[in-house]
Amino acid sequence: MIDLSVAGTFTLGDRVVNRLGYGAMQLAGPGVFGPPKDRNAALAVLREAVASGVNHIDTSDFYGPHVTNQLIREALHPYPVGLTIVTKVGAVRGADASWNPAQSPAELTQAVHDNLRNLRVDVLDVVNLRLMGDEHAPSEGPIAEQFTALAELQRRELIRHLGLSNATAAQVEQVRPIAPVVCVQNHFNVARREDDALIDDLAGKSIAYVPFFPLGGFSPLQSSTLSHVAARLGATPMQVALAWLLSRAPNILLIPGTSSLDHLRENLASAELKLPDEMLAELNRIATPSFRAS
């Protein structure tokens, strides 16, 4: 059995989690909308993830909507001691499966209560404010009103810890006087590395960085270098991409998602994959100039 602790741990607020976790987004239907193709398979993936040592699950009530939280509840409630469930608020789904901003204090409050109800908990471990920038790219702007609304819910003991998703470095600093930020969740991978400087800055502040889309997201990363390194190691490109992220900084927490038991096992095995220095150097050269930190 894979020992996830070999990849290390990091602290989310007062919660210590393994650096390799699980993202529940892909458990919903196509386009993260509607029910899963195979509900029993989705439940099995969640149960095996936790049985394998995953103690950090990422979700949101707007996945489905409501689908992934209801699956998590059905598969895992009552939740094991030590399991940390991180959710996010700030969007709603349209009837056409569109992703629409829901950033007013009233909408954020409603979203928190939706998460509480569908996960069947009295308090949410971590809530990320999902900013609706340019698709998966952050954009500058004031966010104090939204974060203050969540901080008020934290004071009411409905939320333990707060984070940000799709945020800039300036926005992180903008809200830290309002309430502590325990994690930042942005688009980052071996090819898309605009957040290099932010990751290092957060590491110095003991704030977790949680990259999404480790292989490029909705447009899969096409890299002959990644494939060649994977072939030489007898690994998959996804395993190499995840291992590269684990090597990038100690505050990086991974949440690869899948609805397949086989892919789950492959992803978790990346915790034990070691990349030699020469392969790390090859992978570091993948990033295009437009996606490097300036």
C-alpha atoms as a PDB file:
ATOM      1  CA  MET A   1       0.000   0.000   0.000  1.00  0.00           C
ATOM      2  CA  ILE A   2       1.222   3.490  -0.849  1.00  0.00           C
ATOM      3  CA  ASP A   3       2.417   5.558   2.101  1.00  0.00           C
ATOM      4  CA  LEU A   4       1.223   9.097   1.344  1.00  0.00           C
ATOM      5  CA  SER A   5       3.250  10.491   4.238  1.00  0.00           C
ATOM      6  CA  VAL A   6       6.462  10.003   2.235  1.00  0.00           C
ATOM      7  CA  ALA A   7       5.462  13.120   0.272  1.00  0.00           C
ATOM      8  CA  GLY A   8       5.300  15.090   3.511  1.00  0.00           C
ATOM      9  CA  THR A   9       2.578  16.987   5.333  1.00  0.00           C
ATOM     10  CA  PHE A  10       1.574  20.626   5.680  1.00  0.00           C
ATOM     11  CA  THR A  11      -0.665  22.552   8.030  1.00  0.00           C
ATOM     12  CA  LEU A  12      -3.980  24.071   6.968  1.00  0.00           C
ATOM     13  CA  GLY A  13      -4.811  26.290   9.897  1.00  0.00           C
ATOM     14  CA  ASP A  14      -4.896  23.808  12.771  1.00  0.00           C
ATOM     15  CA  ARG A  15      -5.218  20.771  10.489  1.00  0.00           C
ATOM     16  CA  VAL A  16      -2.213  18.686   9.418  1.00  0.00           C
ATOM     17  CA  VAL A  17      -2.813  17.070   6.029  1.00  0.00           C
ATOM     18  CA  ASN A  18      -0.859  14.868   3.658  1.00  0.00           C
ATOM     19  CA  ARG A  19       0.423  16.871   0.719  1.00  0.00           C
ATOM     20  CA  LEU A  20      -1.290  14.572  -1.755  1.00  0.00           C
ATOM     21  CA  GLY A  21      -5.056  14.906  -1.454  1.00  0.00           C
ATOM     22  CA  TYR A  22      -8.072  14.454  -3.699  1.00  0.00           C
ATOM     23  CA  GLY A  23     -10.275  16.836  -5.693  1.00  0.00           C
ATOM     24  CA  ALA A  24     -13.933  15.838  -6.050  1.00  0.00           C
ATOM     25  CA  MET A  25     -14.826  18.012  -9.062  1.00  0.00           C
ATOM     26  CA  GLN A  26     -14.685  15.190 -11.613  1.00  0.00           C
ATOM     27  CA  LEU A  27     -17.215  13.115  -9.681  1.00  0.00           C
ATOM     28  CA  ALA A  28     -20.050  15.226 -11.115  1.00  0.00           C
ATOM     29  CA  GLY A  29     -21.399  14.722 -14.624  1.00  0.00           C
ATOM     30  CA  PRO A  30     -19.904  16.078 -17.872  1.00  0.00           C
ATOM     31  CA  GLY A  31     -18.867  19.711 -17.550  1.00  0.00           C
ATOM     32  CA  VAL A  32     -19.062  19.323 -13.744  1.00  0.00           C
ATOM     33  CA  PHE A  33     -22.841  19.394 -14.148  1.00  0.00           C
ATOM     34  CA  GLY A  34     -25.471  16.895 -13.146  1.00  0.00           C
ATOM     35  CA  PRO A  35     -25.108  13.450 -11.607  1.00  0.00           C
ATOM     36  CA  PRO A  36     -22.177  11.105 -12.184  1.00  0.00           C
ATOM     37  CA  LYS A  37     -22.291   8.507 -14.930  1.00  0.00           C
ATOM     38  CA  ASP A  38     -21.757   5.800 -12.306  1.00  0.00           C
ATOM     39  CA  ARG A  39     -22.769   6.762  -8.769  1.00  0.00           C
ATOM     40  CA  ASN A  40     -21.444   3.572  -7.193  1.00  0.00           C
ATOM     41  CA  ALA A  41     -18.059   4.106  -8.837  1.00  0.00           C
ATOM     42  CA  ALA A  42     -17.941   7.686  -7.526  1.00  0.00           C
ATOM     43  CA  LEU A  43     -18.659   6.485  -3.996  1.00  0.00           C
ATOM     44  CA  ALA A  44     -16.000   3.791  -4.324  1.00  0.00           C
ATOM     45  CA  VAL A  45     -13.376   6.339  -5.398  1.00  0.00           C
ATOM     46  CA  LEU A  46     -14.071   8.512  -2.360  1.00  0.00           C
ATOM     47  CA  ARG A  47     -13.943   5.580   0.023  1.00  0.00           C
ATOM     48  CA  GLU A  48     -10.721   4.201  -1.439  1.00  0.00           C
ATOM     49  CA  ALA A  49      -9.080   7.644  -1.374  1.00  0.00           C
ATOM     50  CA  VAL A  50      -9.674   7.946   2.362  1.00  0.00           C
ATOM     51  CA  ALA A  51      -8.777   4.300   3.005  1.00  0.00           C
ATOM     52  CA  SER A  52      -5.478   4.971   1.181  1.00  0.00           C
ATOM     53  CA  GLY A  53      -4.568   7.829   3.527  1.00  0.00           C
ATOM     54  CA  VAL A  54      -6.044  10.875   1.814  1.00  0.00           C
ATOM     55  CA  ASN A  55      -7.061  13.321   4.542  1.00  0.00           C
ATOM     56  CA  HIS A  56      -7.608  16.440   2.404  1.00  0.00           C
ATOM     57  CA  ILE A  57     -10.592  16.532   0.031  1.00  0.00           C
ATOM     58  CA  ASP A  58     -11.406  19.552  -2.118  1.00  0.00           C
ATOM     59  CA  THR A  59     -14.992  20.194  -3.189  1.00  0.00           C
ATOM     60  CA  SER A  60     -17.661  22.836  -3.727  1.00  0.00           C
ATOM     61  CA  ASP A  61     -21.433  22.907  -3.589  1.00  0.00           C
ATOM     62  CA  PHE A  62     -21.455  24.445  -7.075  1.00  0.00           C
ATOM     63  CA  TYR A  63     -19.964  21.224  -8.473  1.00  0.00           C
ATOM     64  CA  GLY A  64     -23.029  19.562  -9.890  1.00  0.00           C
ATOM     65  CA  PRO A  65     -24.448  21.712  -8.291  1.00  0.00           C
ATOM     66  CA  HIS A  66     -24.697  19.940  -4.922  1.00  0.00           C
ATOM     67  CA  VAL A  67     -23.634  16.606  -6.461  1.00  0.00           C
ATOM     68  CA  THR A  68     -20.100  16.214  -5.134  1.00  0.00           C
ATOM     69  CA  ASN A  69     -20.964  17.300  -1.598  1.00  0.00           C
ATOM     70  CA  GLN A  70     -23.862  14.861  -1.498  1.00  0.00           C
ATOM     71  CA  LEU A  71     -21.581  12.079  -2.755  1.00  0.00           C
ATOM     72  CA  ILE A  72     -18.964  12.918  -0.127  1.00  0.00           C
ATOM     73  CA  ARG A  73     -21.636  12.805   2.575  1.00  0.00           C
ATOM     74  CA  GLU A  74     -23.038   9.486   1.347  1.00  0.00           C
ATOM     75  CA  ALA A  75     -19.620   7.873   1.014  1.00  0.00           C
ATOM     76  CA  LEU A  76     -17.876   9.155   4.117  1.00  0.00           C
ATOM     77  CA  HIS A  77     -20.288  10.504   6.752  1.00  0.00           C
ATOM     78  CA  PRO A  78     -19.738  10.282   9.687  1.00  0.00           C
ATOM     79  CA  TYR A  79     -16.359  11.617   8.679  1.00  0.00           C
ATOM     80  CA  PRO A  80     -13.138  10.006   9.926  1.00  0.00           C
ATOM     81  CA  VAL A  81     -11.179  11.886  12.553  1.00  0.00           C
ATOM     82  CA  GLY A  82      -8.498  13.935  10.820  1.00  0.00           C
ATOM     83  CA  LEU A  83     -10.268  14.305   7.467  1.00  0.00           C
ATOM     84  CA  THR A  84     -10.197  17.908   6.246  1.00  0.00           C
ATOM     85  CA  ILE A  85     -12.814  18.946   3.676  1.00  0.00           C
ATOM     86  CA  VAL A  86     -12.086  22.197   1.857  1.00  0.00           C
ATOM     87  CA  THR A  87     -14.893  23.846  -0.075  1.00  0.00           C
ATOM     88  CA  LYS A  88     -15.284  27.054  -2.051  1.00  0.00           C
ATOM     89  CA  VAL A  89     -17.976  29.669  -2.562  1.00  0.00           C
ATOM     90  CA  GLY A  90     -18.446  32.554  -4.969  1.00  0.00           C
ATOM     91  CA  ALA A  91     -20.252  31.048  -7.958  1.00  0.00           C
ATOM     92  CA  VAL A  92     -23.533  29.406  -8.925  1.00  0.00           C
ATOM     93  CA  ARG A  93     -24.457  27.243 -11.892  1.00  0.00           C
ATOM     94  CA  GLY A  94     -26.995  28.282 -14.472  1.00  0.00           C
ATOM     95  CA  ALA A  95     -29.557  25.897 -15.949  1.00  0.00           C
ATOM     96  CA  ASP A  96     -27.328  25.832 -19.057  1.00  0.00           C
ATOM     97  CA  ALA A  97     -24.356  24.666 -16.922  1.00  0.00           C
ATOM     98  CA  SER A  98     -22.806  28.148 -17.014  1.00  0.00           C
ATOM     99  CA  TRP A  99     -20.576  29.352 -14.168  1.00  0.00           C
ATOM    100  CA  ASN A 100     -21.934  32.630 -12.805  1.00  0.00           C
ATOM    101  CA  PRO A 101     -20.573  34.957 -10.098  1.00  0.00           C
ATOM    102  CA  ALA A 102     -22.352  34.871  -6.732  1.00  0.00           C
ATOM    103  CA  GLN A 103     -20.243  37.272  -4.693  1.00  0.00           C
ATOM    104  CA  SER A 104     -22.626  39.370  -2.618  1.00  0.00           C
ATOM    105  CA  PRO A 105     -22.567  38.853   1.164  1.00  0.00           C
ATOM    106  CA  ALA A 106     -26.052  37.316   0.980  1.00  0.00           C
ATOM    107  CA  GLU A 107     -25.024  34.914  -1.787  1.00  0.00           C
ATOM    108  CA  LEU A 108     -21.851  33.899   0.030  1.00  0.00           C
ATOM    109  CA  THR A 109     -23.804  33.320   3.243  1.00  0.00           C
ATOM    110  CA  GLN A 110     -26.324  31.167   1.370  1.00  0.00           C
ATOM    111  CA  ALA A 111     -23.490  29.179  -0.211  1.00  0.00           C
ATOM    112  CA  VAL A 112     -21.938  28.462   3.177  1.00  0.00           C
ATOM    113  CA  HIS A 113     -25.268  27.183   4.473  1.00  0.00           C
ATOM    114  CA  ASP A 114     -25.702  25.054   1.341  1.00  0.00           C
ATOM    115  CA  ASN A 115     -22.295  23.468   1.965  1.00  0.00           C
ATOM    116  CA  LEU A 116     -23.093  22.869   5.630  1.00  0.00           C
ATOM    117  CA  ARG A 117     -26.378  21.180   4.740  1.00  0.00           C
ATOM    118  CA  ASN A 118     -25.127  19.024   1.883  1.00  0.00           C
ATOM    119  CA  LEU A 119     -21.968  17.914   3.701  1.00  0.00           C
ATOM    120  CA  ARG A 120     -24.007  17.469   6.902  1.00  0.00           C
ATOM    121  CA  VAL A 121     -21.588  19.290   9.184  1.00  0.00           C
ATOM    122  CA  ASP A 122     -22.000  22.030  11.774  1.00  0.00           C
ATOM    123  CA  VAL A 123     -18.813  23.831  10.764  1.00  0.00           C
ATOM    124  CA  LEU A 124     -16.809  23.864   7.528  1.00  0.00           C
ATOM    125  CA  ASP A 125     -13.092  23.096   7.888  1.00  0.00           C
ATOM    126  CA  VAL A 126     -11.884  25.537   5.207  1.00  0.00           C
ATOM    127  CA  VAL A 127     -13.827  27.810   2.846  1.00  0.00           C
ATOM    128  CA  ASN A 128     -12.097  29.376  -0.144  1.00  0.00           C
ATOM    129  CA  LEU A 129     -13.515  32.545  -1.660  1.00  0.00           C
ATOM    130  CA  ARG A 130     -13.494  31.698  -5.383  1.00  0.00           C
ATOM    131  CA  LEU A 131     -12.874  34.930  -7.265  1.00  0.00           C
ATOM    132  CA  MET A 132     -14.399  35.131 -10.724  1.00  0.00           C
ATOM    133  CA  GLY A 133     -11.570  36.642 -12.732  1.00  0.00           C
ATOM    134  CA  ASP A 134     -10.708  35.881 -16.337  1.00  0.00           C
ATOM    135  CA  GLU A 135     -11.812  32.217 -16.430  1.00  0.00           C
ATOM    136  CA  HIS A 136      -8.901  30.475 -14.660  1.00  0.00           C
ATOM    137  CA  ALA A 137      -6.652  33.534 -14.467  1.00  0.00           C
ATOM    138  CA  PRO A 138      -6.797  35.937 -11.515  1.00  0.00           C
ATOM    139  CA  SER A 139      -7.571  39.608 -12.066  1.00  0.00           C
ATOM    140  CA  GLU A 140      -6.948  42.488  -9.705  1.00  0.00           C
ATOM    141  CA  GLY A 141      -9.773  44.136  -7.824  1.00  0.00           C
ATOM    142  CA  PRO A 142     -11.167  44.808  -4.350  1.00  0.00           C
ATOM    143  CA  ILE A 143     -12.406  41.739  -2.479  1.00  0.00           C
ATOM    144  CA  ALA A 144     -12.598  43.030   1.097  1.00  0.00           C
ATOM    145  CA  GLU A 145     -16.410  43.068   1.180  1.00  0.00           C
ATOM    146  CA  GLN A 146     -16.668  39.409   0.162  1.00  0.00           C
ATOM    147  CA  PHE A 147     -13.918  38.255   2.498  1.00  0.00           C
ATOM    148  CA  THR A 148     -15.384  40.238   5.384  1.00  0.00           C
ATOM    149  CA  ALA A 149     -18.710  38.435   4.898  1.00  0.00           C
ATOM    150  CA  LEU A 150     -16.938  35.079   5.214  1.00  0.00           C
ATOM    151  CA  ALA A 151     -14.920  36.309   8.200  1.00  0.00           C
ATOM    152  CA  GLU A 152     -18.202  37.140   9.928  1.00  0.00           C
ATOM    153  CA  LEU A 153     -19.380  33.565   9.364  1.00  0.00           C
ATOM    154  CA  GLN A 154     -16.056  32.406  10.772  1.00  0.00           C
ATOM    155  CA  ARG A 155     -16.692  34.509  13.891  1.00  0.00           C
ATOM    156  CA  ARG A 156     -20.080  32.801  14.149  1.00  0.00           C
ATOM    157  CA  GLU A 157     -18.202  29.453  14.170  1.00  0.00           C
ATOM    158  CA  LEU A 158     -19.662  28.206  10.888  1.00  0.00           C
ATOM    159  CA  ILE A 159     -16.191  28.194   9.282  1.00  0.00           C
ATOM    160  CA  ARG A 160     -12.863  27.242  10.860  1.00  0.00           C
ATOM    161  CA  HIS A 161     -10.440  28.661   8.282  1.00  0.00           C
ATOM    162  CA  LEU A 162     -10.502  30.843   5.179  1.00  0.00           C
ATOM    163  CA  GLY A 163      -8.639  30.780   1.888  1.00  0.00           C
ATOM    164  CA  LEU A 164      -8.728  32.265  -1.610  1.00  0.00           C
ATOM    165  CA  SER A 165      -9.067  30.756  -5.059  1.00  0.00           C
ATOM    166  CA  ASN A 166      -8.092  32.428  -8.351  1.00  0.00           C
ATOM    167  CA  ALA A 167      -6.424  35.287  -6.477  1.00  0.00           C
ATOM    168  CA  THR A 168      -3.503  37.620  -7.030  1.00  0.00           C
ATOM    169  CA  ALA A 169      -0.694  38.280  -4.575  1.00  0.00           C
ATOM    170  CA  ALA A 170      -2.118  41.767  -3.955  1.00  0.00           C
ATOM    171  CA  GLN A 171      -5.525  40.314  -3.100  1.00  0.00           C
ATOM    172  CA  VAL A 172      -3.970  37.929  -0.604  1.00  0.00           C
ATOM    173  CA  GLU A 173      -2.337  40.865   1.162  1.00  0.00           C
ATOM    174  CA  GLN A 174      -5.534  42.903   0.882  1.00  0.00           C
ATOM    175  CA  VAL A 175      -7.533  40.461   3.022  1.00  0.00           C
ATOM    176  CA  ARG A 176      -4.976  39.127   5.499  1.00  0.00           C
ATOM    177  CA  PRO A 177      -5.715  41.996   7.965  1.00  0.00           C
ATOM    178  CA  ILE A 178      -9.391  40.912   7.908  1.00  0.00           C
ATOM    179  CA  ALA A 179      -8.748  37.256   8.797  1.00  0.00           C
ATOM    180  CA  PRO A 180      -5.905  34.767   8.381  1.00  0.00           C
ATOM    181  CA  VAL A 181      -5.555  33.124   4.967  1.00  0.00           C
ATOM    182  CA  VAL A 182      -4.550  29.454   5.255  1.00  0.00           C
ATOM    183  CA  CYS A 183      -4.415  28.553   1.552  1.00  0.00           C
ATOM    184  CA  VAL A 184      -4.454  29.946  -1.976  1.00  0.00           C
ATOM    185  CA  GLN A 185      -5.796  27.820  -4.821  1.00  0.00           C
ATOM    186  CA  ASN A 186      -4.727  28.903  -8.332  1.00  0.00           C
ATOM    187  CA  HIS A 187      -4.010  27.498 -11.789  1.00  0.00           C
ATOM    188  CA  PHE A 188      -0.393  26.307 -11.806  1.00  0.00           C
ATOM    189  CA  ASN A 189       1.521  23.464 -13.398  1.00  0.00           C
ATOM    190  CA  VAL A 190       4.866  22.606 -14.982  1.00  0.00           C
ATOM    191  CA  ALA A 191       4.031  24.720 -18.049  1.00  0.00           C
ATOM    192  CA  ARG A 192       2.012  27.519 -16.457  1.00  0.00           C
ATOM    193  CA  ARG A 193       4.128  29.140 -13.786  1.00  0.00           C
ATOM    194  CA  GLU A 194       3.057  32.759 -13.302  1.00  0.00           C
ATOM    195  CA  ASP A 195       2.656  32.094  -9.578  1.00  0.00           C
ATOM    196  CA  ASP A 196       6.268  31.043  -8.923  1.00  0.00           C
ATOM    197  CA  ALA A 197       6.975  34.147  -6.836  1.00  0.00           C
ATOM    198  CA  LEU A 198       3.635  33.912  -5.015  1.00  0.00           C
ATOM    199  CA  ILE A 199       4.299  30.295  -4.028  1.00  0.00           C
ATOM    200  CA  ASP A 200       7.620  31.219  -2.466  1.00  0.00           C
ATOM    201  CA  ASP A 201       6.114  34.209  -0.666  1.00  0.00           C
ATOM    202  CA  LEU A 202       3.302  32.070   0.761  1.00  0.00           C
ATOM    203  CA  ALA A 203       5.803  29.424   1.867  1.00  0.00           C
ATOM    204  CA  GLY A 204       7.534  32.070   3.952  1.00  0.00           C
ATOM    205  CA  LYS A 205       4.187  32.849   5.601  1.00  0.00           C
ATOM    206  CA  SER A 206       3.303  29.149   6.175  1.00  0.00           C
ATOM    207  CA  ILE A 207       0.334  29.478   3.795  1.00  0.00           C
ATOM    208  CA  ALA A 208      -0.516  26.488   1.608  1.00  0.00           C
ATOM    209  CA  TYR A 209      -0.627  26.795  -2.172  1.00  0.00           C
ATOM    210  CA  VAL A 210      -3.030  24.405  -3.882  1.00  0.00           C
ATOM    211  CA  PRO A 211      -2.596  24.220  -7.676  1.00  0.00           C
ATOM    212  CA  PHE A 212      -5.471  23.121  -9.849  1.00  0.00           C
ATOM    213  CA  PHE A 213      -5.204  21.655 -13.355  1.00  0.00           C
ATOM    214  CA  PRO A 214      -1.804  19.907 -12.947  1.00  0.00           C
ATOM    215  CA  LEU A 215      -1.946  18.789 -16.588  1.00  0.00           C
ATOM    216  CA  GLY A 216      -3.402  21.966 -18.070  1.00  0.00           C
ATOM    217  CA  GLY A 217      -7.084  21.650 -17.227  1.00  0.00           C
ATOM    218  CA  PHE A 218      -9.724  21.694 -19.953  1.00  0.00           C
ATOM    219  CA  SER A 219      -6.948  21.877 -22.604  1.00  0.00           C
ATOM    220  CA  PRO A 220      -4.547  19.074 -21.616  1.00  0.00           C
ATOM    221  CA  LEU A 221      -0.883  19.962 -21.504  1.00  0.00           C
ATOM    222  CA  GLN A 222       0.904  18.599 -24.565  1.00  0.00           C
ATOM    223  CA  SER A 223       4.605  18.229 -23.832  1.00  0.00           C
ATOM    224  CA  SER A 224       6.996  15.785 -25.416  1.00  0.00           C
ATOM    225  CA  THR A 225       9.428  16.460 -22.561  1.00  0.00           C
ATOM    226  CA  LEU A 226       6.850  15.429 -19.973  1.00  0.00           C
ATOM    227  CA  SER A 227       6.044  12.273 -21.924  1.00  0.00           C
ATOM    228  CA  HIS A 228       9.717  11.384 -22.418  1.00  0.00           C
ATOM    229  CA  VAL A 229      10.513  11.812 -18.720  1.00  0.00           C
ATOM    230  CA  ALA A 230       7.492   9.687 -17.823  1.00  0.00           C
ATOM    231  CA  ALA A 231       8.558   6.930 -20.216  1.00  0.00           C
ATOM    232  CA  ARG A 232      12.088   6.845 -18.792  1.00  0.00           C
ATOM    233  CA  LEU A 233      10.704   6.517 -15.267  1.00  0.00           C
ATOM    234  CA  GLY A 234       8.054   3.967 -16.167  1.00  0.00           C
ATOM    235  CA  ALA A 235       5.437   6.442 -14.963  1.00  0.00           C
ATOM    236  CA  THR A 236       2.490   8.330 -16.463  1.00  0.00           C
ATOM    237  CA  PRO A 237       2.660  12.003 -17.504  1.00  0.00           C
ATOM    238  CA  MET A 238       0.189  12.827 -14.709  1.00  0.00           C
ATOM    239  CA  GLN A 239       2.397  11.117 -12.120  1.00  0.00           C
ATOM    240  CA  VAL A 240       5.403  13.115 -13.315  1.00  0.00           C
ATOM    241  CA  ALA A 241       3.409  16.367 -13.303  1.00  0.00           C
ATOM    242  CA  LEU A 242       2.293  15.695  -9.729  1.00  0.00           C
ATOM    243  CA  ALA A 243       5.780  14.687  -8.594  1.00  0.00           C
ATOM    244  CA  TRP A 244       7.173  17.884 -10.116  1.00  0.00           C
ATOM    245  CA  LEU A 245       4.654  19.950  -8.143  1.00  0.00           C
ATOM    246  CA  LEU A 246       5.560  18.143  -4.916  1.00  0.00           C
ATOM    247  CA  SER A 247       9.223  18.941  -5.557  1.00  0.00           C
ATOM    248  CA  ARG A 248       8.522  22.587  -6.386  1.00  0.00           C
ATOM    249  CA  ALA A 249       7.841  23.815  -2.831  1.00  0.00           C
ATOM    250  CA  PRO A 250       6.995  22.268   0.565  1.00  0.00           C
ATOM    251  CA  ASN A 251       3.793  24.330   0.918  1.00  0.00           C
ATOM    252  CA  ILE A 252       2.215  22.894  -2.256  1.00  0.00           C
ATOM    253  CA  LEU A 253      -0.779  20.637  -1.594  1.00  0.00           C
ATOM    254  CA  LEU A 254      -2.148  18.555  -4.455  1.00  0.00           C
ATOM    255  CA  ILE A 255      -5.802  17.755  -5.180  1.00  0.00           C
ATOM    256  CA  PRO A 256      -5.812  15.676  -8.389  1.00  0.00           C
ATOM    257  CA  GLY A 257      -9.299  14.537  -9.280  1.00  0.00           C
ATOM    258  CA  THR A 258     -10.647  11.479 -11.040  1.00  0.00           C
ATOM    259  CA  SER A 259     -13.759   9.334 -11.182  1.00  0.00           C
ATOM    260  CA  SER A 260     -11.709   6.189 -11.867  1.00  0.00           C
ATOM    261  CA  LEU A 261     -10.282   3.850  -9.234  1.00  0.00           C
ATOM    262  CA  ASP A 262      -7.361   2.991 -11.516  1.00  0.00           C
ATOM    263  CA  HIS A 263      -6.504   6.647 -12.062  1.00  0.00           C
ATOM    264  CA  LEU A 264      -6.874   7.342  -8.345  1.00  0.00           C
ATOM    265  CA  ARG A 265      -4.305   4.647  -7.582  1.00  0.00           C
ATOM    266  CA  GLU A 266      -1.962   6.010 -10.257  1.00  0.00           C
ATOM    267  CA  ASN A 267      -2.267   9.540  -8.876  1.00  0.00           C
ATOM    268  CA  LEU A 268      -1.614   8.453  -5.300  1.00  0.00           C
ATOM    269  CA  ALA A 269       1.454   6.494  -6.406  1.00  0.00           C
ATOM    270  CA  SER A 270       3.071   9.777  -7.442  1.00  0.00           C
ATOM    271  CA  ALA A 271       3.722  10.413  -3.744  1.00  0.00           C
ATOM    272  CA  GLU A 272       6.555   7.885  -3.980  1.00  0.00           C
ATOM    273  CA  LEU A 273       7.938   9.029  -7.360  1.00  0.00           C
ATOM    274  CA  LYS A 274      11.333  10.700  -7.093  1.00  0.00           C
ATOM    275  CA  LEU A 275      12.564  12.887  -9.955  1.00  0.00           C
ATOM    276  CA  PRO A 276      16.350  12.932 -10.507  1.00  0.00           C
ATOM    277  CA  ASP A 277      17.935  16.379 -10.727  1.00  0.00           C
ATOM    278  CA  GLU A 278      18.558  16.130 -14.455  1.00  0.00           C
ATOM    279  CA  MET A 279      14.898  15.325 -15.097  1.00  0.00           C
ATOM    280  CA  LEU A 280      13.792  18.179 -12.872  1.00  0.00           C
ATOM    281  CA  ALA A 281      15.971  20.488 -14.966  1.00  0.00           C
ATOM    282  CA  GLU A 282      14.330  19.213 -18.157  1.00  0.00           C
ATOM    283  CA  LEU A 283      10.855  19.729 -16.739  1.00  0.00           C
ATOM    284  CA  ASN A 284      11.704  23.209 -15.483  1.00  0.00           C
ATOM    285  CA  ARG A 285      12.412  24.261 -19.066  1.00  0.00           C
ATOM    286  CA  ILE A 286       8.903  23.388 -20.257  1.00  0.00           C
ATOM    287  CA  ALA A 287       7.303  26.649 -19.160  1.00  0.00           C
ATOM    288  CA  THR A 288       6.905  29.130 -21.995  1.00  0.00           C
ATOM    289  CA  PRO A 289       8.107  32.713 -21.398  1.00  0.00           C
ATOM    290  CA  SER A 290       4.510  34.040 -21.312  1.00  0.00           C
ATOM    291  CA  PHE A 291       3.687  31.680 -18.441  1.00  0.00           C
ATOM    292  CA  ARG A 292       6.757  32.335 -16.310  1.00  0.00           C
ATOM    293  CA  ALA A 293       6.659  34.659 -13.336  1.00  0.00           C
ATOM    294  CA  SER A 294       7.922  38.082 -14.349  1.00  0.00           C
END
